[in-house]
Amino acid sequence: MALCVSASTNPDGSLQLVPDPSKTDLGTCSYVLQSGAEVAESSLANLTPAQGLEISMSVCALWALAWGIKQVAKTLKGIGNEEIE
């Protein structure tokens, strides 16, 4: 179960997380402490193959777009550097 926690500074400068039971809405918390099971449920290891494919294709498409923009910039830069006789 996720808990709202607040951070307090110890005299030695370290931070300590203190549960705040007065806050029940996790959206209003400064910090949310999750259990190990909750973290494991939301990890990338639980992706389906279709979800993994979607993410990898998005990354590849973004890379290809950036490469294309770089090539256009190189071409335009080369056109401006030609000598006129």
C-alpha atoms as a PDB file:
ATOM      1  CA  MET A   1       0.000   0.000   0.000  1.00  0.00           C
ATOM      2  CA  ALA A   2       1.376   3.387  -0.980  1.00  0.00           C
ATOM      3  CA  LEU A   3       1.855   5.936   1.787  1.00  0.00           C
ATOM      4  CA  CYS A   4       2.256   9.684   1.841  1.00  0.00           C
ATOM      5  CA  VAL A   5       5.524  10.603   3.501  1.00  0.00           C
ATOM      6  CA  SER A   6       7.235  13.852   4.314  1.00  0.00           C
ATOM      7  CA  ALA A   7      10.964  14.419   4.414  1.00  0.00           C
ATOM      8  CA  SER A   8      12.609  15.819   7.505  1.00  0.00           C
ATOM      9  CA  THR A   9      16.255  16.745   7.844  1.00  0.00           C
ATOM     10  CA  ASN A  10      18.250  15.163  10.645  1.00  0.00           C
ATOM     11  CA  PRO A  11      20.898  17.154  12.541  1.00  0.00           C
ATOM     12  CA  ASP A  12      23.632  15.355  10.580  1.00  0.00           C
ATOM     13  CA  GLY A  13      22.123  16.578   7.279  1.00  0.00           C
ATOM     14  CA  SER A  14      20.592  13.285   6.191  1.00  0.00           C
ATOM     15  CA  LEU A  15      16.953  13.026   5.199  1.00  0.00           C
ATOM     16  CA  GLN A  16      14.403  10.912   6.999  1.00  0.00           C
ATOM     17  CA  LEU A  17      11.047   9.939   5.510  1.00  0.00           C
ATOM     18  CA  VAL A  18       8.219  10.174   8.018  1.00  0.00           C
ATOM     19  CA  PRO A  19       4.792   8.669   7.196  1.00  0.00           C
ATOM     20  CA  ASP A  20       1.989  11.235   7.092  1.00  0.00           C
ATOM     21  CA  PRO A  21      -1.273   9.375   7.812  1.00  0.00           C
ATOM     22  CA  SER A  22      -3.324  12.590   7.674  1.00  0.00           C
ATOM     23  CA  LYS A  23      -3.024  12.703   3.870  1.00  0.00           C
ATOM     24  CA  THR A  24      -5.083  10.095   2.079  1.00  0.00           C
ATOM     25  CA  ASP A  25      -4.955  11.552  -1.442  1.00  0.00           C
ATOM     26  CA  LEU A  26      -1.657  10.478  -3.022  1.00  0.00           C
ATOM     27  CA  GLY A  27      -1.919  13.297  -5.554  1.00  0.00           C
ATOM     28  CA  THR A  28      -1.317  15.891  -2.849  1.00  0.00           C
ATOM     29  CA  CYS A  29       1.738  14.196  -1.335  1.00  0.00           C
ATOM     30  CA  SER A  30       5.234  15.558  -1.727  1.00  0.00           C
ATOM     31  CA  TYR A  31       6.624  12.022  -1.625  1.00  0.00           C
ATOM     32  CA  VAL A  32       4.926   8.657  -2.077  1.00  0.00           C
ATOM     33  CA  LEU A  33       6.440   5.515  -0.589  1.00  0.00           C
ATOM     34  CA  GLN A  34       5.539   2.300  -2.417  1.00  0.00           C
ATOM     35  CA  SER A  35       5.982  -1.289  -1.349  1.00  0.00           C
ATOM     36  CA  GLY A  36       8.254  -3.615  -3.285  1.00  0.00           C
ATOM     37  CA  ALA A  37       5.270  -5.392  -4.827  1.00  0.00           C
ATOM     38  CA  GLU A  38       3.851  -2.100  -6.128  1.00  0.00           C
ATOM     39  CA  VAL A  39       7.177  -1.164  -7.673  1.00  0.00           C
ATOM     40  CA  ALA A  40       7.524  -4.606  -9.273  1.00  0.00           C
ATOM     41  CA  GLU A  41       4.063  -4.313 -10.824  1.00  0.00           C
ATOM     42  CA  SER A  42       4.962  -1.065 -12.545  1.00  0.00           C
ATOM     43  CA  SER A  43       8.414  -2.044 -13.821  1.00  0.00           C
ATOM     44  CA  LEU A  44       9.454  -2.394 -17.446  1.00  0.00           C
ATOM     45  CA  ALA A  45       9.954  -6.126 -16.904  1.00  0.00           C
ATOM     46  CA  ASN A  46       6.188  -6.610 -16.917  1.00  0.00           C
ATOM     47  CA  LEU A  47       5.686  -5.331 -20.450  1.00  0.00           C
ATOM     48  CA  THR A  48       3.981  -7.558 -22.964  1.00  0.00           C
ATOM     49  CA  PRO A  49       5.882  -8.227 -26.197  1.00  0.00           C
ATOM     50  CA  ALA A  50       3.489  -5.911 -28.025  1.00  0.00           C
ATOM     51  CA  GLN A  51       4.166  -3.089 -25.567  1.00  0.00           C
ATOM     52  CA  GLY A  52       7.917  -3.658 -25.825  1.00  0.00           C
ATOM     53  CA  LEU A  53       7.698  -3.575 -29.607  1.00  0.00           C
ATOM     54  CA  GLU A  54       5.721  -0.338 -29.478  1.00  0.00           C
ATOM     55  CA  ILE A  55       8.323   1.328 -27.272  1.00  0.00           C
ATOM     56  CA  SER A  56      11.259   0.088 -29.350  1.00  0.00           C
ATOM     57  CA  MET A  57       9.627   1.197 -32.602  1.00  0.00           C
ATOM     58  CA  SER A  58       8.993   4.638 -31.109  1.00  0.00           C
ATOM     59  CA  VAL A  59      12.648   4.926 -30.109  1.00  0.00           C
ATOM     60  CA  CYS A  60      13.775   3.814 -33.581  1.00  0.00           C
ATOM     61  CA  ALA A  61      11.407   6.272 -35.270  1.00  0.00           C
ATOM     62  CA  LEU A  62      12.698   9.112 -33.118  1.00  0.00           C
ATOM     63  CA  TRP A  63      16.289   8.149 -33.909  1.00  0.00           C
ATOM     64  CA  ALA A  64      15.510   8.019 -37.649  1.00  0.00           C
ATOM     65  CA  LEU A  65      13.837  11.424 -37.507  1.00  0.00           C
ATOM     66  CA  ALA A  66      16.853  12.937 -35.739  1.00  0.00           C
ATOM     67  CA  TRP A  67      19.215  11.343 -38.269  1.00  0.00           C
ATOM     68  CA  GLY A  68      17.125  12.717 -41.141  1.00  0.00           C
ATOM     69  CA  ILE A  69      17.151  16.216 -39.684  1.00  0.00           C
ATOM     70  CA  LYS A  70      20.922  15.962 -39.262  1.00  0.00           C
ATOM     71  CA  GLN A  71      21.340  14.951 -42.908  1.00  0.00           C
ATOM     72  CA  VAL A  72      19.168  17.833 -44.109  1.00  0.00           C
ATOM     73  CA  ALA A  73      21.183  20.259 -41.978  1.00  0.00           C
ATOM     74  CA  LYS A  74      24.444  18.872 -43.402  1.00  0.00           C
ATOM     75  CA  THR A  75      23.118  19.238 -46.937  1.00  0.00           C
ATOM     76  CA  LEU A  76      21.973  22.799 -46.381  1.00  0.00           C
ATOM     77  CA  LYS A  77      25.266  23.695 -44.752  1.00  0.00           C
ATOM     78  CA  GLY A  78      27.154  22.228 -47.728  1.00  0.00           C
ATOM     79  CA  ILE A  79      25.066  24.194 -50.234  1.00  0.00           C
ATOM     80  CA  GLY A  80      25.940  27.475 -48.539  1.00  0.00           C
ATOM     81  CA  ASN A  81      29.687  26.748 -48.581  1.00  0.00           C
ATOM     82  CA  GLU A  82      30.046  26.317 -52.362  1.00  0.00           C
ATOM     83  CA  GLU A  83      32.261  28.842 -54.114  1.00  0.00           C
ATOM     84  CA  ILE A  84      30.751  30.926 -56.890  1.00  0.00           C
ATOM     85  CA  GLU A  85      33.011  31.509 -59.909  1.00  0.00           C
END
